[in-house]
Amino acid sequence: MKKYKLESLIYYSKLFAEKEHIAEASSKDIQAKLDEYAAKGYRLVSTDATDFGFAVYFYLYFEADA
């Protein structure tokens, strides 16, 4: 049997920031989540992202053996 976890992260676009600011800001947070879940025995099995207005939503799907 498997255990599953979903982690979602939200970032908001800044009107006067450089165009890569979301990628730069999210990279550190996403890496921290990957490290956190790996330490608990989970592995990343899928990702997804969507935007809505000025927000970008990242979804990280993790799986571990129960």
PDB file of N, CA and C in Angstrom:
ATOM      1  N   MET A   1       0.841  -1.180   0.000  1.00  0.00           N
ATOM      2  CA  MET A   1       0.000   0.000   0.000  1.00  0.00           C
ATOM      3  C   MET A   1       0.887   1.244   0.000  1.00  0.00           C
ATOM      4  N   LYS A   2       0.433   2.267  -0.658  1.00  0.00           N
ATOM      5  CA  LYS A   2       1.181   3.514  -0.773  1.00  0.00           C
ATOM      6  C   LYS A   2       0.527   4.615   0.052  1.00  0.00           C
ATOM      7  N   LYS A   3       1.362   5.567   0.474  1.00  0.00           N
ATOM      8  CA  LYS A   3       0.880   6.796   1.116  1.00  0.00           C
ATOM      9  C   LYS A   3       1.128   7.926   0.133  1.00  0.00           C
ATOM     10  N   TYR A   4       0.213   8.870   0.084  1.00  0.00           N
ATOM     11  CA  TYR A   4       0.330   9.991  -0.842  1.00  0.00           C
ATOM     12  C   TYR A   4       0.190  11.314  -0.101  1.00  0.00           C
ATOM     13  N   LYS A   5       0.904  12.306  -0.566  1.00  0.00           N
ATOM     14  CA  LYS A   5       0.816  13.661  -0.014  1.00  0.00           C
ATOM     15  C   LYS A   5       0.792  14.650  -1.165  1.00  0.00           C
ATOM     16  N   LEU A   6       0.032  15.701  -0.989  1.00  0.00           N
ATOM     17  CA  LEU A   6      -0.013  16.799  -1.951  1.00  0.00           C
ATOM     18  C   LEU A   6       0.474  18.054  -1.246  1.00  0.00           C
ATOM     19  N   GLU A   7       1.384  18.742  -1.868  1.00  0.00           N
ATOM     20  CA  GLU A   7       1.880  20.016  -1.342  1.00  0.00           C
ATOM     21  C   GLU A   7       1.599  21.076  -2.402  1.00  0.00           C
ATOM     22  N   SER A   8       0.977  22.173  -2.013  1.00  0.00           N
ATOM     23  CA  SER A   8       0.721  23.255  -2.964  1.00  0.00           C
ATOM     24  C   SER A   8       1.430  24.521  -2.487  1.00  0.00           C
ATOM     25  N   LEU A   9       1.988  25.228  -3.442  1.00  0.00           N
ATOM     26  CA  LEU A   9       2.696  26.478  -3.174  1.00  0.00           C
ATOM     27  C   LEU A   9       2.114  27.551  -4.086  1.00  0.00           C
ATOM     28  N   ILE A  10       1.919  28.749  -3.550  1.00  0.00           N
ATOM     29  CA  ILE A  10       1.326  29.843  -4.316  1.00  0.00           C
ATOM     30  C   ILE A  10       2.298  31.018  -4.341  1.00  0.00           C
ATOM     31  N   TYR A  11       2.484  31.581  -5.525  1.00  0.00           N
ATOM     32  CA  TYR A  11       3.336  32.758  -5.700  1.00  0.00           C
ATOM     33  C   TYR A  11       2.564  33.802  -6.483  1.00  0.00           C
ATOM     34  N   TYR A  12       2.740  35.050  -6.074  1.00  0.00           N
ATOM     35  CA  TYR A  12       2.025  36.146  -6.709  1.00  0.00           C
ATOM     36  C   TYR A  12       2.969  36.969  -7.560  1.00  0.00           C
ATOM     37  N   SER A  13       2.504  37.330  -8.737  1.00  0.00           N
ATOM     38  CA  SER A  13       3.294  38.138  -9.653  1.00  0.00           C
ATOM     39  C   SER A  13       3.368  39.570  -9.138  1.00  0.00           C
ATOM     40  N   LYS A  14       4.552  40.152  -9.276  1.00  0.00           N
ATOM     41  CA  LYS A  14       4.765  41.553  -8.912  1.00  0.00           C
ATOM     42  C   LYS A  14       4.865  42.348 -10.206  1.00  0.00           C
ATOM     43  N   LEU A  15       4.095  43.367 -10.309  1.00  0.00           N
ATOM     44  CA  LEU A  15       4.000  44.113 -11.557  1.00  0.00           C
ATOM     45  C   LEU A  15       5.323  44.698 -12.042  1.00  0.00           C
ATOM     46  N   PHE A  16       6.163  45.148 -11.130  1.00  0.00           N
ATOM     47  CA  PHE A  16       7.385  45.832 -11.544  1.00  0.00           C
ATOM     48  C   PHE A  16       8.650  45.024 -11.265  1.00  0.00           C
ATOM     49  N   ALA A  17       8.514  43.747 -11.052  1.00  0.00           N
ATOM     50  CA  ALA A  17       9.674  42.873 -10.822  1.00  0.00           C
ATOM     51  C   ALA A  17      10.172  42.342 -12.166  1.00  0.00           C
ATOM     52  N   GLU A  18      11.391  41.802 -12.152  1.00  0.00           N
ATOM     53  CA  GLU A  18      11.897  41.213 -13.393  1.00  0.00           C
ATOM     54  C   GLU A  18      11.081  39.975 -13.746  1.00  0.00           C
ATOM     55  N   LYS A  19      11.104  39.584 -14.999  1.00  0.00           N
ATOM     56  CA  LYS A  19      10.187  38.542 -15.477  1.00  0.00           C
ATOM     57  C   LYS A  19      10.441  37.163 -14.878  1.00  0.00           C
ATOM     58  N   GLU A  20      11.616  36.904 -14.352  1.00  0.00           N
ATOM     59  CA  GLU A  20      11.945  35.591 -13.782  1.00  0.00           C
ATOM     60  C   GLU A  20      11.771  35.527 -12.262  1.00  0.00           C
ATOM     61  N   HIS A  21      11.144  36.523 -11.655  1.00  0.00           N
ATOM     62  CA  HIS A  21      11.106  36.579 -10.188  1.00  0.00           C
ATOM     63  C   HIS A  21      10.341  35.410  -9.573  1.00  0.00           C
ATOM     64  N   ILE A  22       9.301  34.901 -10.214  1.00  0.00           N
ATOM     65  CA  ILE A  22       8.569  33.757  -9.648  1.00  0.00           C
ATOM     66  C   ILE A  22       9.431  32.503  -9.713  1.00  0.00           C
ATOM     67  N   ALA A  23      10.126  32.283 -10.817  1.00  0.00           N
ATOM     68  CA  ALA A  23      10.995  31.111 -10.932  1.00  0.00           C
ATOM     69  C   ALA A  23      12.100  31.150  -9.885  1.00  0.00           C
ATOM     70  N   GLU A  24      12.677  32.309  -9.673  1.00  0.00           N
ATOM     71  CA  GLU A  24      13.754  32.433  -8.680  1.00  0.00           C
ATOM     72  C   GLU A  24      13.234  32.218  -7.263  1.00  0.00           C
ATOM     73  N   ALA A  25      12.097  32.816  -6.943  1.00  0.00           N
ATOM     74  CA  ALA A  25      11.548  32.685  -5.592  1.00  0.00           C
ATOM     75  C   ALA A  25      11.059  31.270  -5.314  1.00  0.00           C
ATOM     76  N   SER A  26      10.429  30.645  -6.293  1.00  0.00           N
ATOM     77  CA  SER A  26       9.852  29.328  -6.066  1.00  0.00           C
ATOM     78  C   SER A  26      10.914  28.227  -6.005  1.00  0.00           C
ATOM     79  N   SER A  27      12.024  28.384  -6.684  1.00  0.00           N
ATOM     80  CA  SER A  27      13.052  27.339  -6.719  1.00  0.00           C
ATOM     81  C   SER A  27      13.541  26.961  -5.332  1.00  0.00           C
ATOM     82  N   LYS A  28      13.807  27.951  -4.509  1.00  0.00           N
ATOM     83  CA  LYS A  28      14.293  27.683  -3.143  1.00  0.00           C
ATOM     84  C   LYS A  28      13.236  26.961  -2.317  1.00  0.00           C
ATOM     85  N   ASP A  29      11.992  27.425  -2.400  1.00  0.00           N
ATOM     86  CA  ASP A  29      10.910  26.811  -1.627  1.00  0.00           C
ATOM     87  C   ASP A  29      10.608  25.393  -2.092  1.00  0.00           C
ATOM     88  N   ILE A  30      10.592  25.194  -3.397  1.00  0.00           N
ATOM     89  CA  ILE A  30      10.319  23.858  -3.932  1.00  0.00           C
ATOM     90  C   ILE A  30      11.431  22.892  -3.539  1.00  0.00           C
ATOM     91  N   GLN A  31      12.685  23.338  -3.618  1.00  0.00           N
ATOM     92  CA  GLN A  31      13.799  22.480  -3.205  1.00  0.00           C
ATOM     93  C   GLN A  31      13.686  22.122  -1.732  1.00  0.00           C
ATOM     94  N   ALA A  32      13.285  23.074  -0.909  1.00  0.00           N
ATOM     95  CA  ALA A  32      13.108  22.804   0.525  1.00  0.00           C
ATOM     96  C   ALA A  32      12.028  21.754   0.747  1.00  0.00           C
ATOM     97  N   LYS A  33      10.919  21.829  -0.002  1.00  0.00           N
ATOM     98  CA  LYS A  33       9.855  20.827   0.124  1.00  0.00           C
ATOM     99  C   LYS A  33      10.330  19.458  -0.349  1.00  0.00           C
ATOM    100  N   LEU A  34      11.088  19.425  -1.443  1.00  0.00           N
ATOM    101  CA  LEU A  34      11.636  18.152  -1.926  1.00  0.00           C
ATOM    102  C   LEU A  34      12.528  17.517  -0.866  1.00  0.00           C
ATOM    103  N   ASP A  35      13.391  18.305  -0.255  1.00  0.00           N
ATOM    104  CA  ASP A  35      14.285  17.798   0.790  1.00  0.00           C
ATOM    105  C   ASP A  35      13.503  17.324   2.012  1.00  0.00           C
ATOM    106  N   GLU A  36      12.484  18.096   2.404  1.00  0.00           N
ATOM    107  CA  GLU A  36      11.661  17.749   3.566  1.00  0.00           C
ATOM    108  C   GLU A  36      10.963  16.405   3.370  1.00  0.00           C
ATOM    109  N   TYR A  37      10.333  16.212   2.215  1.00  0.00           N
ATOM    110  CA  TYR A  37       9.604  14.976   1.971  1.00  0.00           C
ATOM    111  C   TYR A  37      10.534  13.797   1.707  1.00  0.00           C
ATOM    112  N   ALA A  38      11.673  14.040   1.088  1.00  0.00           N
ATOM    113  CA  ALA A  38      12.648  12.963   0.875  1.00  0.00           C
ATOM    114  C   ALA A  38      13.154  12.437   2.211  1.00  0.00           C
ATOM    115  N   ALA A  39      13.364  13.327   3.176  1.00  0.00           N
ATOM    116  CA  ALA A  39      13.811  12.913   4.502  1.00  0.00           C
ATOM    117  C   ALA A  39      12.769  12.042   5.204  1.00  0.00           C
ATOM    118  N   LYS A  40      11.504  12.186   4.830  1.00  0.00           N
ATOM    119  CA  LYS A  40      10.422  11.392   5.409  1.00  0.00           C
ATOM    120  C   LYS A  40      10.152  10.118   4.610  1.00  0.00           C
ATOM    121  N   GLY A  41      10.927   9.878   3.554  1.00  0.00           N
ATOM    122  CA  GLY A  41      10.771   8.662   2.766  1.00  0.00           C
ATOM    123  C   GLY A  41       9.862   8.798   1.553  1.00  0.00           C
ATOM    124  N   TYR A  42       9.441  10.004   1.232  1.00  0.00           N
ATOM    125  CA  TYR A  42       8.585  10.230   0.070  1.00  0.00           C
ATOM    126  C   TYR A  42       9.426  10.516  -1.170  1.00  0.00           C
ATOM    127  N   ARG A  43       8.853  10.240  -2.318  1.00  0.00           N
ATOM    128  CA  ARG A  43       9.488  10.608  -3.587  1.00  0.00           C
ATOM    129  C   ARG A  43       8.478  11.401  -4.411  1.00  0.00           C
ATOM    130  N   LEU A  44       8.986  12.313  -5.193  1.00  0.00           N
ATOM    131  CA  LEU A  44       8.145  13.138  -6.043  1.00  0.00           C
ATOM    132  C   LEU A  44       7.690  12.303  -7.234  1.00  0.00           C
ATOM    133  N   VAL A  45       6.379  12.204  -7.450  1.00  0.00           N
ATOM    134  CA  VAL A  45       5.874  11.392  -8.554  1.00  0.00           C
ATOM    135  C   VAL A  45       5.221  12.212  -9.655  1.00  0.00           C
ATOM    136  N   SER A  46       4.818  13.436  -9.350  1.00  0.00           N
ATOM    137  CA  SER A  46       4.190  14.262 -10.370  1.00  0.00           C
ATOM    138  C   SER A  46       4.193  15.717  -9.917  1.00  0.00           C
ATOM    139  N   THR A  47       4.078  16.606 -10.884  1.00  0.00           N
ATOM    140  CA  THR A  47       3.951  18.029 -10.598  1.00  0.00           C
ATOM    141  C   THR A  47       2.914  18.625 -11.535  1.00  0.00           C
ATOM    142  N   ASP A  48       2.415  19.769 -11.146  1.00  0.00           N
ATOM    143  CA  ASP A  48       1.488  20.503 -11.989  1.00  0.00           C
ATOM    144  C   ASP A  48       1.591  21.968 -11.589  1.00  0.00           C
ATOM    145  N   ALA A  49       1.205  22.842 -12.491  1.00  0.00           N
ATOM    146  CA  ALA A  49       1.187  24.275 -12.199  1.00  0.00           C
ATOM    147  C   ALA A  49       0.060  24.906 -12.993  1.00  0.00           C
ATOM    148  N   THR A  50      -0.513  25.930 -12.418  1.00  0.00           N
ATOM    149  CA  THR A  50      -1.566  26.674 -13.098  1.00  0.00           C
ATOM    150  C   THR A  50      -1.490  28.116 -12.644  1.00  0.00           C
ATOM    151  N   ASP A  51      -2.059  28.999 -13.437  1.00  0.00           N
ATOM    152  CA  ASP A  51      -2.097  30.403 -13.044  1.00  0.00           C
ATOM    153  C   ASP A  51      -3.540  30.874 -12.995  1.00  0.00           C
ATOM    154  N   PHE A  52      -3.757  31.838 -12.132  1.00  0.00           N
ATOM    155  CA  PHE A  52      -5.082  32.425 -11.991  1.00  0.00           C
ATOM    156  C   PHE A  52      -4.866  33.873 -11.589  1.00  0.00           C
ATOM    157  N   GLY A  53      -5.190  34.789 -12.472  1.00  0.00           N
ATOM    158  CA  GLY A  53      -4.953  36.200 -12.184  1.00  0.00           C
ATOM    159  C   GLY A  53      -3.472  36.471 -12.032  1.00  0.00           C
ATOM    160  N   PHE A  54      -3.086  37.021 -10.897  1.00  0.00           N
ATOM    161  CA  PHE A  54      -1.681  37.326 -10.628  1.00  0.00           C
ATOM    162  C   PHE A  54      -0.986  36.232  -9.836  1.00  0.00           C
ATOM    163  N   ALA A  55      -1.630  35.100  -9.642  1.00  0.00           N
ATOM    164  CA  ALA A  55      -1.054  34.018  -8.841  1.00  0.00           C
ATOM    165  C   ALA A  55      -0.661  32.831  -9.724  1.00  0.00           C
ATOM    166  N   VAL A  56       0.412  32.165  -9.306  1.00  0.00           N
ATOM    167  CA  VAL A  56       0.842  30.914  -9.927  1.00  0.00           C
ATOM    168  C   VAL A  56       0.803  29.857  -8.837  1.00  0.00           C
ATOM    169  N   TYR A  57       0.132  28.754  -9.115  1.00  0.00           N
ATOM    170  CA  TYR A  57      -0.012  27.659  -8.161  1.00  0.00           C
ATOM    171  C   TYR A  57       0.839  26.481  -8.627  1.00  0.00           C
ATOM    172  N   PHE A  58       1.692  25.988  -7.742  1.00  0.00           N
ATOM    173  CA  PHE A  58       2.501  24.804  -8.013  1.00  0.00           C
ATOM    174  C   PHE A  58       1.986  23.674  -7.133  1.00  0.00           C
ATOM    175  N   TYR A  59       1.811  22.507  -7.727  1.00  0.00           N
ATOM    176  CA  TYR A  59       1.352  21.323  -6.989  1.00  0.00           C
ATOM    177  C   TYR A  59       2.415  20.242  -7.096  1.00  0.00           C
ATOM    178  N   LEU A  60       2.829  19.729  -5.953  1.00  0.00           N
ATOM    179  CA  LEU A  60       3.826  18.667  -5.888  1.00  0.00           C
ATOM    180  C   LEU A  60       3.141  17.424  -5.303  1.00  0.00           C
ATOM    181  N   TYR A  61       3.210  16.326  -6.010  1.00  0.00           N
ATOM    182  CA  TYR A  61       2.573  15.077  -5.585  1.00  0.00           C
ATOM    183  C   TYR A  61       3.654  14.095  -5.160  1.00  0.00           C
ATOM    184  N   PHE A  62       3.569  13.644  -3.917  1.00  0.00           N
ATOM    185  CA  PHE A  62       4.551  12.739  -3.344  1.00  0.00           C
ATOM    186  C   PHE A  62       3.936  11.385  -3.040  1.00  0.00           C
ATOM    187  N   GLU A  63       4.791  10.368  -3.033  1.00  0.00           N
ATOM    188  CA  GLU A  63       4.369   8.996  -2.763  1.00  0.00           C
ATOM    189  C   GLU A  63       5.431   8.312  -1.897  1.00  0.00           C
ATOM    190  N   ALA A  64       4.967   7.453  -0.995  1.00  0.00           N
ATOM    191  CA  ALA A  64       5.879   6.655  -0.166  1.00  0.00           C
ATOM    192  C   ALA A  64       5.259   5.298   0.078  1.00  0.00           C
ATOM    193  N   ASP A  65       6.105   4.322   0.330  1.00  0.00           N
ATOM    194  CA  ASP A  65       5.602   3.008   0.694  1.00  0.00           C
ATOM    195  C   ASP A  65       5.094   3.040   2.113  1.00  0.00           C
ATOM    196  N   ALA A  66       3.943   2.418   2.332  1.00  0.00           N
ATOM    197  CA  ALA A  66       3.340   2.420   3.671  1.00  0.00           C
ATOM    198  C   ALA A  66       3.948   1.354   4.543  1.00  0.00           C
TER     199      ALA A  66
END
